[in-house]
Amino acid sequence: MRQALLFMGLTLSLVVCVALSAPMAAPKGTPIPPPSRTAKPTLSPTPSPSTTPEPTETPAASPSATPEPMLSLTPTVPSPSPSPTPTVPSQLDCKLIWQSPGNGASYKPDEDFTVGWKVSNNGTAAWDADSVEFTYLGGAKLYDYALVHLETSVAPGQAAVLSVHMKAPRNSTKYTTYWSLRQGDTFFCRLMLSIYVE
């Protein structure tokens, strides 16, 4: 009997469960409303991310790698600069004051002319007329005489004009001649002249 009751209870429970799970029918005469339409979501523009960079944290300044100047414990003694050696004037020396004609003068072929150089005695010794002479040294041979004697002696600080008679060559070109004072084997006061022959 217990089993029959148990079976019946189970059957009843089963019927109730089935009934509850079945859809309920609407009573007759009541219209069933159509399913409502739900609005579709619309897309609204979203703001684009900003290109402004976010502030970053500035790193703290690191200590400088430049070494601090250090004091030297070794004393430095400045060495005295050498004093300039005074120029000792030469015994035989000269300075050109003027020259006539100047370099670059033009002459016709075979034309005679005289050259003069005014020089001062800048040495410490006199130019003795008996031992000092003015002589051809090299270059074009434009002279009549290769050796000219001084007319008078020239003391230090005095000036003299050294003149030579010359003749222009026949060929048209540039000519340069070199002259010098000479005492024995010593040549000093070297002078030159350049001319053109037309």
N, C-alpha and C. Protein backbone atom coordinates (compact mmCIF):
# COMPACT_ATOMS: atom_id res chain seq x y z
N MET A 1 0.84 -1.17 0.00
CA MET A 1 0.00 0.00 0.00
C MET A 1 0.89 1.24 0.00
N ARG A 2 1.91 1.15 0.71
CA ARG A 2 2.84 2.27 0.73
C ARG A 2 3.39 2.50 -0.65
N GLN A 3 3.60 1.49 -1.34
CA GLN A 3 4.18 1.63 -2.67
C GLN A 3 3.16 2.27 -3.59
N ALA A 4 1.95 1.95 -3.47
CA ALA A 4 0.94 2.52 -4.33
C ALA A 4 0.84 4.00 -4.06
N LEU A 5 0.94 4.39 -2.78
CA LEU A 5 0.85 5.82 -2.45
C LEU A 5 2.07 6.55 -2.99
N LEU A 6 3.17 5.96 -2.88
CA LEU A 6 4.40 6.58 -3.37
C LEU A 6 4.30 6.75 -4.87
N PHE A 7 3.78 5.77 -5.56
CA PHE A 7 3.66 5.84 -7.00
C PHE A 7 2.70 6.93 -7.40
N MET A 8 1.71 7.08 -6.69
CA MET A 8 0.70 8.06 -6.98
C MET A 8 1.25 9.46 -6.73
N GLY A 9 2.01 9.61 -5.70
CA GLY A 9 2.59 10.93 -5.40
C GLY A 9 3.56 11.34 -6.48
N LEU A 10 4.28 10.38 -6.96
CA LEU A 10 5.24 10.68 -8.01
C LEU A 10 4.51 11.05 -9.29
N THR A 11 3.45 10.35 -9.58
CA THR A 11 2.72 10.62 -10.80
C THR A 11 2.13 12.01 -10.73
N LEU A 12 1.61 12.35 -9.59
CA LEU A 12 1.00 13.66 -9.41
C LEU A 12 2.06 14.75 -9.54
N SER A 13 3.19 14.51 -8.98
CA SER A 13 4.28 15.51 -9.07
C SER A 13 4.69 15.70 -10.50
N LEU A 14 4.69 14.62 -11.23
CA LEU A 14 5.09 14.69 -12.62
C LEU A 14 4.07 15.48 -13.41
N VAL A 15 2.82 15.29 -13.15
CA VAL A 15 1.77 16.00 -13.88
C VAL A 15 1.87 17.48 -13.57
N VAL A 16 2.10 17.83 -12.35
CA VAL A 16 2.19 19.24 -11.96
C VAL A 16 3.39 19.88 -12.66
N CYS A 17 4.48 19.17 -12.71
CA CYS A 17 5.69 19.75 -13.35
C CYS A 17 5.43 19.97 -14.82
N VAL A 18 4.77 19.04 -15.48
CA VAL A 18 4.51 19.17 -16.92
C VAL A 18 3.58 20.33 -17.14
N ALA A 19 2.58 20.47 -16.30
CA ALA A 19 1.62 21.55 -16.46
C ALA A 19 2.28 22.90 -16.27
N LEU A 20 3.12 22.96 -15.37
CA LEU A 20 3.78 24.24 -15.10
C LEU A 20 4.73 24.60 -16.24
N SER A 21 5.30 23.62 -16.84
CA SER A 21 6.27 23.92 -17.90
C SER A 21 5.60 24.23 -19.22
N ALA A 22 4.35 23.87 -19.47
CA ALA A 22 3.67 24.13 -20.74
C ALA A 22 3.28 25.58 -20.79
N PRO A 23 3.29 26.27 -22.01
CA PRO A 23 2.90 27.66 -22.11
C PRO A 23 1.41 27.81 -21.87
N MET A 24 1.10 28.91 -21.29
CA MET A 24 -0.31 29.14 -21.00
C MET A 24 -0.97 29.74 -22.21
N ALA A 25 -2.11 29.23 -22.48
CA ALA A 25 -2.86 29.76 -23.60
C ALA A 25 -3.62 30.97 -23.12
N ALA A 26 -3.67 31.97 -23.98
CA ALA A 26 -4.39 33.18 -23.63
C ALA A 26 -5.88 32.89 -23.70
N PRO A 27 -6.69 33.51 -22.83
CA PRO A 27 -8.13 33.29 -22.90
C PRO A 27 -8.65 33.79 -24.22
N LYS A 28 -9.65 33.15 -24.69
CA LYS A 28 -10.23 33.47 -25.98
C LYS A 28 -10.86 34.84 -25.92
N GLY A 29 -10.78 35.58 -27.05
CA GLY A 29 -11.36 36.90 -27.13
C GLY A 29 -10.38 37.99 -26.79
N THR A 30 -9.27 37.71 -26.20
CA THR A 30 -8.28 38.73 -25.84
C THR A 30 -7.20 38.73 -26.92
N PRO A 31 -7.08 39.83 -27.63
CA PRO A 31 -6.07 39.85 -28.69
C PRO A 31 -4.66 39.83 -28.10
N ILE A 32 -3.82 39.14 -28.79
CA ILE A 32 -2.43 39.05 -28.35
C ILE A 32 -1.67 40.20 -29.04
N PRO A 33 -1.07 41.03 -28.27
CA PRO A 33 -0.36 42.15 -28.90
C PRO A 33 0.88 41.66 -29.66
N PRO A 34 1.12 42.30 -30.78
CA PRO A 34 2.31 41.87 -31.54
C PRO A 34 3.57 42.17 -30.73
N PRO A 35 4.59 41.46 -31.01
CA PRO A 35 5.81 41.71 -30.25
C PRO A 35 6.30 43.13 -30.52
N SER A 36 6.71 43.78 -29.48
CA SER A 36 7.15 45.18 -29.62
C SER A 36 8.52 45.23 -30.28
N ARG A 37 8.65 46.32 -31.06
CA ARG A 37 9.94 46.50 -31.72
C ARG A 37 10.89 47.22 -30.77
N THR A 38 12.05 46.70 -30.69
CA THR A 38 13.04 47.39 -29.85
C THR A 38 13.91 48.26 -30.76
N ALA A 39 14.14 49.43 -30.33
CA ALA A 39 14.95 50.35 -31.15
C ALA A 39 16.37 49.84 -31.29
N LYS A 40 16.85 49.99 -32.55
CA LYS A 40 18.23 49.58 -32.80
C LYS A 40 19.16 50.64 -32.21
N PRO A 41 20.19 50.20 -31.67
CA PRO A 41 21.11 51.21 -31.12
C PRO A 41 21.76 52.02 -32.25
N THR A 42 21.84 53.33 -32.07
CA THR A 42 22.49 54.19 -33.07
C THR A 42 23.92 54.48 -32.63
N LEU A 43 24.71 54.63 -33.63
CA LEU A 43 26.13 54.90 -33.32
C LEU A 43 26.32 56.40 -33.17
N SER A 44 26.81 56.76 -32.07
CA SER A 44 27.13 58.18 -31.87
C SER A 44 28.65 58.32 -31.91
N PRO A 45 29.11 59.41 -32.54
CA PRO A 45 30.58 59.55 -32.64
C PRO A 45 31.20 59.71 -31.27
N THR A 46 32.27 58.98 -31.11
CA THR A 46 32.98 59.10 -29.84
C THR A 46 34.22 59.96 -30.09
N PRO A 47 34.55 60.79 -29.17
CA PRO A 47 35.72 61.67 -29.40
C PRO A 47 36.98 60.84 -29.57
N SER A 48 37.80 61.28 -30.59
CA SER A 48 39.06 60.57 -30.82
C SER A 48 40.04 60.94 -29.72
N PRO A 49 40.95 60.05 -29.48
CA PRO A 49 41.89 60.35 -28.39
C PRO A 49 42.74 61.57 -28.73
N SER A 50 43.08 62.35 -27.76
CA SER A 50 43.86 63.57 -27.94
C SER A 50 45.29 63.23 -28.31
N THR A 51 45.88 64.07 -29.21
CA THR A 51 47.29 63.86 -29.58
C THR A 51 48.22 64.61 -28.63
N THR A 52 47.66 65.36 -27.72
CA THR A 52 48.51 66.06 -26.75
C THR A 52 49.15 65.03 -25.83
N PRO A 53 50.43 65.00 -25.78
CA PRO A 53 51.07 63.99 -24.94
C PRO A 53 50.78 64.26 -23.47
N GLU A 54 50.67 63.18 -22.80
CA GLU A 54 50.48 63.28 -21.36
C GLU A 54 51.77 63.79 -20.75
N PRO A 55 51.67 64.59 -19.74
CA PRO A 55 52.91 65.07 -19.10
C PRO A 55 53.69 63.91 -18.53
N THR A 56 54.98 63.96 -18.81
CA THR A 56 55.84 62.91 -18.29
C THR A 56 56.65 63.46 -17.13
N GLU A 57 57.12 62.60 -16.40
CA GLU A 57 57.89 63.01 -15.24
C GLU A 57 59.31 63.36 -15.67
N THR A 58 59.75 64.55 -15.35
CA THR A 58 61.10 64.99 -15.72
C THR A 58 62.09 64.39 -14.75
N PRO A 59 63.11 63.71 -15.33
CA PRO A 59 64.09 63.12 -14.41
C PRO A 59 64.90 64.21 -13.73
N ALA A 60 65.31 63.95 -12.57
CA ALA A 60 66.12 64.91 -11.81
C ALA A 60 67.48 65.05 -12.47
N ALA A 61 68.05 66.25 -12.45
CA ALA A 61 69.35 66.50 -13.08
C ALA A 61 70.43 65.67 -12.38
N SER A 62 71.24 65.04 -13.27
CA SER A 62 72.32 64.24 -12.70
C SER A 62 73.52 65.14 -12.46
N PRO A 63 74.38 64.80 -11.57
CA PRO A 63 75.54 65.65 -11.29
C PRO A 63 76.44 65.74 -12.51
N SER A 64 77.11 66.87 -12.72
CA SER A 64 77.97 67.12 -13.88
C SER A 64 79.17 66.18 -13.83
N ALA A 65 79.56 65.74 -15.07
CA ALA A 65 80.72 64.85 -15.16
C ALA A 65 82.01 65.64 -15.33
N THR A 66 81.92 66.98 -15.44
CA THR A 66 83.12 67.81 -15.60
C THR A 66 83.89 67.85 -14.30
N PRO A 67 85.13 67.45 -14.35
CA PRO A 67 85.89 67.45 -13.09
C PRO A 67 86.16 68.86 -12.62
N GLU A 68 86.16 69.02 -11.37
CA GLU A 68 86.46 70.32 -10.77
C GLU A 68 87.96 70.57 -10.88
N PRO A 69 88.37 71.83 -11.09
CA PRO A 69 89.81 72.09 -11.15
C PRO A 69 90.46 71.78 -9.82
N MET A 70 91.64 71.21 -9.95
CA MET A 70 92.36 70.83 -8.73
C MET A 70 93.61 71.69 -8.62
N LEU A 71 93.96 71.99 -7.44
CA LEU A 71 95.18 72.75 -7.20
C LEU A 71 96.38 71.84 -7.28
N SER A 72 97.40 72.30 -8.00
CA SER A 72 98.62 71.51 -8.10
C SER A 72 99.50 71.81 -6.91
N LEU A 73 100.08 70.74 -6.37
CA LEU A 73 100.98 70.92 -5.25
C LEU A 73 102.41 71.18 -5.70
N THR A 74 102.65 71.02 -7.04
CA THR A 74 103.99 71.26 -7.58
C THR A 74 104.10 72.72 -7.97
N PRO A 75 105.01 73.46 -7.40
CA PRO A 75 105.11 74.88 -7.76
C PRO A 75 105.67 75.02 -9.16
N THR A 76 105.12 75.99 -9.91
CA THR A 76 105.64 76.27 -11.25
C THR A 76 106.38 77.59 -11.19
N VAL A 77 107.59 77.56 -11.65
CA VAL A 77 108.42 78.76 -11.65
C VAL A 77 108.54 79.22 -13.09
N PRO A 78 108.04 80.42 -13.41
CA PRO A 78 108.14 80.88 -14.80
C PRO A 78 109.60 81.06 -15.20
N SER A 79 109.91 80.53 -16.40
CA SER A 79 111.28 80.68 -16.87
C SER A 79 111.40 82.03 -17.57
N PRO A 80 112.48 82.72 -17.36
CA PRO A 80 112.61 84.03 -17.99
C PRO A 80 112.75 83.88 -19.50
N SER A 81 112.05 84.74 -20.25
CA SER A 81 112.15 84.68 -21.70
C SER A 81 113.51 85.23 -22.11
N PRO A 82 114.08 84.62 -23.14
CA PRO A 82 115.42 85.09 -23.55
C PRO A 82 115.32 86.51 -24.10
N SER A 83 116.26 87.31 -23.72
CA SER A 83 116.26 88.69 -24.21
C SER A 83 116.76 88.68 -25.65
N PRO A 84 116.18 89.55 -26.50
CA PRO A 84 116.62 89.56 -27.89
C PRO A 84 118.09 89.94 -28.00
N THR A 85 118.75 89.25 -28.90
CA THR A 85 120.17 89.54 -29.12
C THR A 85 120.28 90.82 -29.93
N PRO A 86 120.98 91.77 -29.44
CA PRO A 86 121.10 93.02 -30.21
C PRO A 86 121.81 92.77 -31.52
N THR A 87 121.34 93.44 -32.56
CA THR A 87 121.97 93.30 -33.87
C THR A 87 123.25 94.11 -33.90
N VAL A 88 124.33 93.42 -34.15
CA VAL A 88 125.63 94.09 -34.21
C VAL A 88 125.79 94.64 -35.61
N PRO A 89 125.97 95.94 -35.77
CA PRO A 89 126.13 96.48 -37.11
C PRO A 89 127.40 95.94 -37.76
N SER A 90 127.26 95.64 -39.05
CA SER A 90 128.41 95.14 -39.80
C SER A 90 129.38 96.30 -40.06
N GLN A 91 130.63 95.95 -40.23
CA GLN A 91 131.61 96.99 -40.52
C GLN A 91 131.33 97.61 -41.89
N LEU A 92 130.96 96.76 -42.86
CA LEU A 92 130.70 97.23 -44.22
C LEU A 92 129.22 96.96 -44.54
N ASP A 93 128.43 98.01 -44.58
CA ASP A 93 126.99 97.88 -44.84
C ASP A 93 126.49 99.16 -45.48
N CYS A 94 125.37 99.06 -46.20
CA CYS A 94 124.81 100.24 -46.85
C CYS A 94 123.30 100.18 -46.91
N LYS A 95 122.68 101.30 -47.25
CA LYS A 95 121.24 101.39 -47.45
C LYS A 95 120.99 102.19 -48.71
N LEU A 96 120.12 101.66 -49.61
CA LEU A 96 119.80 102.37 -50.85
C LEU A 96 118.83 103.51 -50.53
N ILE A 97 119.17 104.72 -50.99
CA ILE A 97 118.31 105.89 -50.79
C ILE A 97 117.46 106.14 -52.03
N TRP A 98 118.06 106.17 -53.22
CA TRP A 98 117.32 106.27 -54.47
C TRP A 98 118.14 105.70 -55.61
N GLN A 99 117.44 105.49 -56.74
CA GLN A 99 118.07 104.93 -57.93
C GLN A 99 117.48 105.64 -59.14
N SER A 100 118.34 106.00 -60.12
CA SER A 100 117.87 106.65 -61.34
C SER A 100 118.70 106.16 -62.53
N PRO A 101 118.04 105.66 -63.59
CA PRO A 101 116.60 105.48 -63.74
C PRO A 101 116.11 104.32 -62.86
N GLY A 102 114.79 104.29 -62.64
CA GLY A 102 114.22 103.19 -61.86
C GLY A 102 114.16 101.91 -62.67
N ASN A 103 113.95 100.80 -62.01
CA ASN A 103 113.82 99.52 -62.71
C ASN A 103 112.61 99.57 -63.64
N GLY A 104 112.78 99.02 -64.84
CA GLY A 104 111.69 98.98 -65.83
C GLY A 104 111.78 100.09 -66.87
N ALA A 105 112.84 100.92 -66.82
CA ALA A 105 112.98 101.98 -67.82
C ALA A 105 113.22 101.37 -69.20
N SER A 106 112.77 102.08 -70.26
CA SER A 106 112.91 101.58 -71.63
C SER A 106 113.93 102.41 -72.40
N TYR A 107 114.72 101.72 -73.26
CA TYR A 107 115.74 102.38 -74.08
C TYR A 107 115.69 101.79 -75.49
N LYS A 108 116.18 102.59 -76.43
CA LYS A 108 116.29 102.11 -77.80
C LYS A 108 117.58 101.30 -77.93
N PRO A 109 117.68 100.41 -78.92
CA PRO A 109 118.91 99.64 -79.10
C PRO A 109 120.12 100.57 -79.28
N ASP A 110 121.22 100.20 -78.63
CA ASP A 110 122.50 100.93 -78.67
C ASP A 110 122.43 102.33 -78.06
N GLU A 111 121.39 102.63 -77.28
CA GLU A 111 121.29 103.96 -76.65
C GLU A 111 122.17 104.02 -75.40
N ASP A 112 122.91 105.12 -75.25
CA ASP A 112 123.76 105.33 -74.08
C ASP A 112 122.93 105.96 -72.96
N PHE A 113 123.26 105.57 -71.73
CA PHE A 113 122.59 106.17 -70.56
C PHE A 113 123.49 105.97 -69.33
N THR A 114 123.22 106.72 -68.28
CA THR A 114 123.98 106.63 -67.04
C THR A 114 123.04 106.25 -65.91
N VAL A 115 123.48 105.31 -65.07
CA VAL A 115 122.69 104.86 -63.92
C VAL A 115 123.36 105.43 -62.67
N GLY A 116 122.52 105.90 -61.73
CA GLY A 116 123.05 106.39 -60.47
C GLY A 116 122.30 105.76 -59.29
N TRP A 117 123.03 105.31 -58.28
CA TRP A 117 122.46 104.77 -57.04
C TRP A 117 122.99 105.63 -55.90
N LYS A 118 122.11 106.25 -55.12
CA LYS A 118 122.57 106.99 -53.95
C LYS A 118 122.43 106.06 -52.76
N VAL A 119 123.54 105.83 -52.05
CA VAL A 119 123.56 104.92 -50.90
C VAL A 119 124.20 105.61 -49.72
N SER A 120 123.78 105.16 -48.51
CA SER A 120 124.40 105.70 -47.29
C SER A 120 125.23 104.61 -46.63
N ASN A 121 126.30 104.99 -45.98
CA ASN A 121 127.18 104.06 -45.28
C ASN A 121 126.55 103.75 -43.92
N ASN A 122 125.95 102.56 -43.76
CA ASN A 122 125.31 102.16 -42.51
C ASN A 122 126.20 101.25 -41.68
N GLY A 123 127.43 101.06 -42.12
CA GLY A 123 128.37 100.22 -41.38
C GLY A 123 129.13 101.02 -40.33
N THR A 124 130.10 100.35 -39.74
CA THR A 124 130.93 101.00 -38.70
C THR A 124 132.29 101.44 -39.24
N ALA A 125 132.61 101.00 -40.46
CA ALA A 125 133.91 101.37 -41.05
C ALA A 125 133.71 102.31 -42.23
N ALA A 126 134.68 103.15 -42.47
CA ALA A 126 134.63 104.08 -43.60
C ALA A 126 134.92 103.33 -44.89
N TRP A 127 134.35 103.83 -46.00
CA TRP A 127 134.67 103.28 -47.31
C TRP A 127 135.82 104.12 -47.85
N ASP A 128 136.98 103.57 -47.76
CA ASP A 128 138.18 104.29 -48.17
C ASP A 128 138.27 104.28 -49.69
N ALA A 129 138.45 105.46 -50.28
CA ALA A 129 138.52 105.59 -51.74
C ALA A 129 139.69 104.79 -52.32
N ASP A 130 140.74 104.52 -51.50
CA ASP A 130 141.90 103.77 -52.00
C ASP A 130 141.67 102.27 -51.97
N SER A 131 140.73 101.77 -51.16
CA SER A 131 140.56 100.31 -51.03
C SER A 131 139.16 99.80 -51.41
N VAL A 132 138.18 100.69 -51.55
CA VAL A 132 136.81 100.27 -51.90
C VAL A 132 136.52 100.71 -53.33
N GLU A 133 135.96 99.79 -54.13
CA GLU A 133 135.58 100.10 -55.51
C GLU A 133 134.21 99.54 -55.83
N PHE A 134 133.58 100.12 -56.85
CA PHE A 134 132.25 99.70 -57.29
C PHE A 134 132.44 98.86 -58.54
N THR A 135 131.92 97.60 -58.52
CA THR A 135 132.24 96.66 -59.60
C THR A 135 131.02 95.88 -60.10
N TYR A 136 131.13 95.46 -61.36
CA TYR A 136 130.11 94.60 -61.97
C TYR A 136 130.13 93.25 -61.26
N LEU A 137 128.93 92.73 -60.94
CA LEU A 137 128.82 91.47 -60.20
C LEU A 137 128.27 90.34 -61.06
N GLY A 138 127.34 90.64 -61.97
CA GLY A 138 126.75 89.59 -62.80
C GLY A 138 125.55 90.11 -63.59
N GLY A 139 124.96 89.21 -64.37
CA GLY A 139 123.81 89.59 -65.19
C GLY A 139 124.24 90.16 -66.53
N ALA A 140 123.37 90.99 -67.10
CA ALA A 140 123.64 91.58 -68.42
C ALA A 140 124.84 92.53 -68.34
N LYS A 141 125.72 92.43 -69.34
CA LYS A 141 126.91 93.28 -69.39
C LYS A 141 126.58 94.55 -70.18
N LEU A 142 125.99 95.51 -69.48
CA LEU A 142 125.58 96.76 -70.12
C LEU A 142 126.62 97.86 -69.98
N TYR A 143 127.67 97.63 -69.26
CA TYR A 143 128.64 98.66 -68.89
C TYR A 143 129.66 98.94 -70.00
N ASP A 144 130.26 100.13 -69.89
CA ASP A 144 131.43 100.46 -70.69
C ASP A 144 132.68 100.01 -69.94
N TYR A 145 132.65 100.19 -68.60
CA TYR A 145 133.77 99.77 -67.75
C TYR A 145 133.20 98.95 -66.60
N ALA A 146 133.83 97.82 -66.30
CA ALA A 146 133.32 96.91 -65.27
C ALA A 146 133.72 97.33 -63.87
N LEU A 147 134.58 98.35 -63.75
CA LEU A 147 135.07 98.75 -62.43
C LEU A 147 135.08 100.27 -62.34
N VAL A 148 134.51 100.79 -61.22
CA VAL A 148 134.46 102.24 -61.00
C VAL A 148 135.07 102.51 -59.63
N HIS A 149 136.01 103.46 -59.56
CA HIS A 149 136.64 103.83 -58.29
C HIS A 149 135.81 104.92 -57.61
N LEU A 150 135.82 104.87 -56.26
CA LEU A 150 135.15 105.93 -55.50
C LEU A 150 135.93 107.23 -55.67
N GLU A 151 135.21 108.33 -55.78
CA GLU A 151 135.88 109.63 -55.93
C GLU A 151 136.44 110.09 -54.59
N THR A 152 135.68 109.84 -53.50
CA THR A 152 136.14 110.22 -52.16
C THR A 152 135.77 109.13 -51.17
N SER A 153 136.40 109.14 -50.01
CA SER A 153 136.04 108.18 -48.95
C SER A 153 134.68 108.57 -48.38
N VAL A 154 133.96 107.54 -47.85
CA VAL A 154 132.62 107.77 -47.29
C VAL A 154 132.63 107.26 -45.86
N ALA A 155 132.48 108.19 -44.90
CA ALA A 155 132.47 107.83 -43.47
C ALA A 155 131.12 107.23 -43.08
N PRO A 156 131.07 106.49 -41.96
CA PRO A 156 129.79 105.97 -41.49
C PRO A 156 128.76 107.10 -41.30
N GLY A 157 127.55 106.87 -41.80
CA GLY A 157 126.48 107.88 -41.72
C GLY A 157 126.43 108.81 -42.90
N GLN A 158 127.48 108.85 -43.74
CA GLN A 158 127.48 109.70 -44.92
C GLN A 158 126.91 108.95 -46.11
N ALA A 159 126.60 109.69 -47.19
CA ALA A 159 126.02 109.09 -48.40
C ALA A 159 126.88 109.43 -49.60
N ALA A 160 126.77 108.61 -50.65
CA ALA A 160 127.51 108.83 -51.90
C ALA A 160 126.65 108.34 -53.05
N VAL A 161 126.89 108.92 -54.24
CA VAL A 161 126.20 108.49 -55.45
C VAL A 161 127.18 107.65 -56.26
N LEU A 162 126.77 106.41 -56.56
CA LEU A 162 127.58 105.50 -57.37
C LEU A 162 126.98 105.51 -58.77
N SER A 163 127.74 105.95 -59.76
CA SER A 163 127.20 106.05 -61.12
C SER A 163 128.05 105.27 -62.10
N VAL A 164 127.33 104.70 -63.08
CA VAL A 164 127.97 103.87 -64.11
C VAL A 164 127.40 104.26 -65.46
N HIS A 165 128.31 104.44 -66.45
CA HIS A 165 127.86 104.69 -67.82
C HIS A 165 127.56 103.35 -68.48
N MET A 166 126.35 103.26 -69.14
CA MET A 166 125.93 102.00 -69.77
C MET A 166 125.41 102.24 -71.18
N LYS A 167 125.22 101.12 -71.89
CA LYS A 167 124.71 101.17 -73.26
C LYS A 167 123.70 100.04 -73.42
N ALA A 168 122.52 100.37 -74.01
CA ALA A 168 121.47 99.37 -74.22
C ALA A 168 121.88 98.40 -75.31
N PRO A 169 121.62 97.10 -75.15
CA PRO A 169 121.93 96.13 -76.21
C PRO A 169 121.05 96.32 -77.44
N ARG A 170 121.33 95.57 -78.49
CA ARG A 170 120.60 95.72 -79.76
C ARG A 170 119.28 94.96 -79.76
N ASN A 171 119.22 93.82 -79.08
CA ASN A 171 118.01 93.00 -79.12
C ASN A 171 116.93 93.53 -78.17
N SER A 172 115.69 93.48 -78.61
CA SER A 172 114.57 93.98 -77.81
C SER A 172 114.12 92.91 -76.81
N THR A 173 114.39 93.16 -75.54
CA THR A 173 113.96 92.27 -74.45
C THR A 173 114.27 92.96 -73.12
N LYS A 174 114.10 92.22 -72.02
CA LYS A 174 114.41 92.76 -70.69
C LYS A 174 115.83 92.35 -70.31
N TYR A 175 116.57 93.29 -69.67
CA TYR A 175 117.93 93.03 -69.24
C TYR A 175 118.07 93.45 -67.77
N THR A 176 118.79 92.64 -66.98
CA THR A 176 119.05 92.94 -65.58
C THR A 176 120.54 92.81 -65.32
N THR A 177 121.11 93.82 -64.66
CA THR A 177 122.54 93.82 -64.34
C THR A 177 122.71 94.02 -62.83
N TYR A 178 123.76 93.38 -62.25
CA TYR A 178 124.01 93.43 -60.80
C TYR A 178 125.39 94.02 -60.54
N TRP A 179 125.43 94.92 -59.52
CA TRP A 179 126.66 95.61 -59.15
C TRP A 179 126.83 95.57 -57.63
N SER A 180 128.07 95.81 -57.16
CA SER A 180 128.33 95.75 -55.72
C SER A 180 129.59 96.55 -55.39
N LEU A 181 129.63 97.06 -54.14
CA LEU A 181 130.87 97.62 -53.62
C LEU A 181 131.75 96.46 -53.18
N ARG A 182 133.05 96.64 -53.26
CA ARG A 182 133.98 95.57 -52.89
C ARG A 182 135.20 96.16 -52.20
N GLN A 183 135.56 95.49 -51.09
CA GLN A 183 136.82 95.83 -50.41
C GLN A 183 137.62 94.54 -50.32
N GLY A 184 138.67 94.43 -51.09
CA GLY A 184 139.45 93.19 -51.15
C GLY A 184 138.56 92.07 -51.71
N ASP A 185 138.37 90.98 -50.91
CA ASP A 185 137.52 89.88 -51.35
C ASP A 185 136.09 89.97 -50.78
N THR A 186 135.79 91.07 -50.09
CA THR A 186 134.48 91.23 -49.46
C THR A 186 133.57 92.08 -50.34
N PHE A 187 132.43 91.51 -50.75
CA PHE A 187 131.43 92.23 -51.53
C PHE A 187 130.31 92.67 -50.58
N PHE A 188 129.89 93.91 -50.69
CA PHE A 188 128.79 94.42 -49.86
C PHE A 188 128.04 95.49 -50.64
N CYS A 189 126.88 95.85 -50.17
CA CYS A 189 126.04 96.86 -50.81
C CYS A 189 125.71 96.46 -52.25
N ARG A 190 125.02 95.32 -52.40
CA ARG A 190 124.67 94.82 -53.74
C ARG A 190 123.48 95.57 -54.30
N LEU A 191 123.58 95.98 -55.57
CA LEU A 191 122.56 96.79 -56.24
C LEU A 191 122.23 96.16 -57.59
N MET A 192 121.06 96.51 -58.16
CA MET A 192 120.68 95.95 -59.47
C MET A 192 119.87 96.96 -60.26
N LEU A 193 119.81 96.74 -61.59
CA LEU A 193 119.02 97.55 -62.49
C LEU A 193 118.41 96.66 -63.55
N SER A 194 117.11 96.83 -63.83
CA SER A 194 116.43 96.11 -64.91
C SER A 194 115.90 97.13 -65.91
N ILE A 195 116.19 96.90 -67.22
CA ILE A 195 115.70 97.81 -68.28
C ILE A 195 115.05 96.99 -69.39
N TYR A 196 114.29 97.67 -70.22
CA TYR A 196 113.71 97.06 -71.42
C TYR A 196 114.30 97.76 -72.63
N VAL A 197 114.61 96.98 -73.66
CA VAL A 197 115.05 97.55 -74.94
C VAL A 197 113.91 97.37 -75.92
N GLU A 198 113.47 98.50 -76.52
CA GLU A 198 112.31 98.46 -77.44
C GLU A 198 112.73 98.02 -78.83
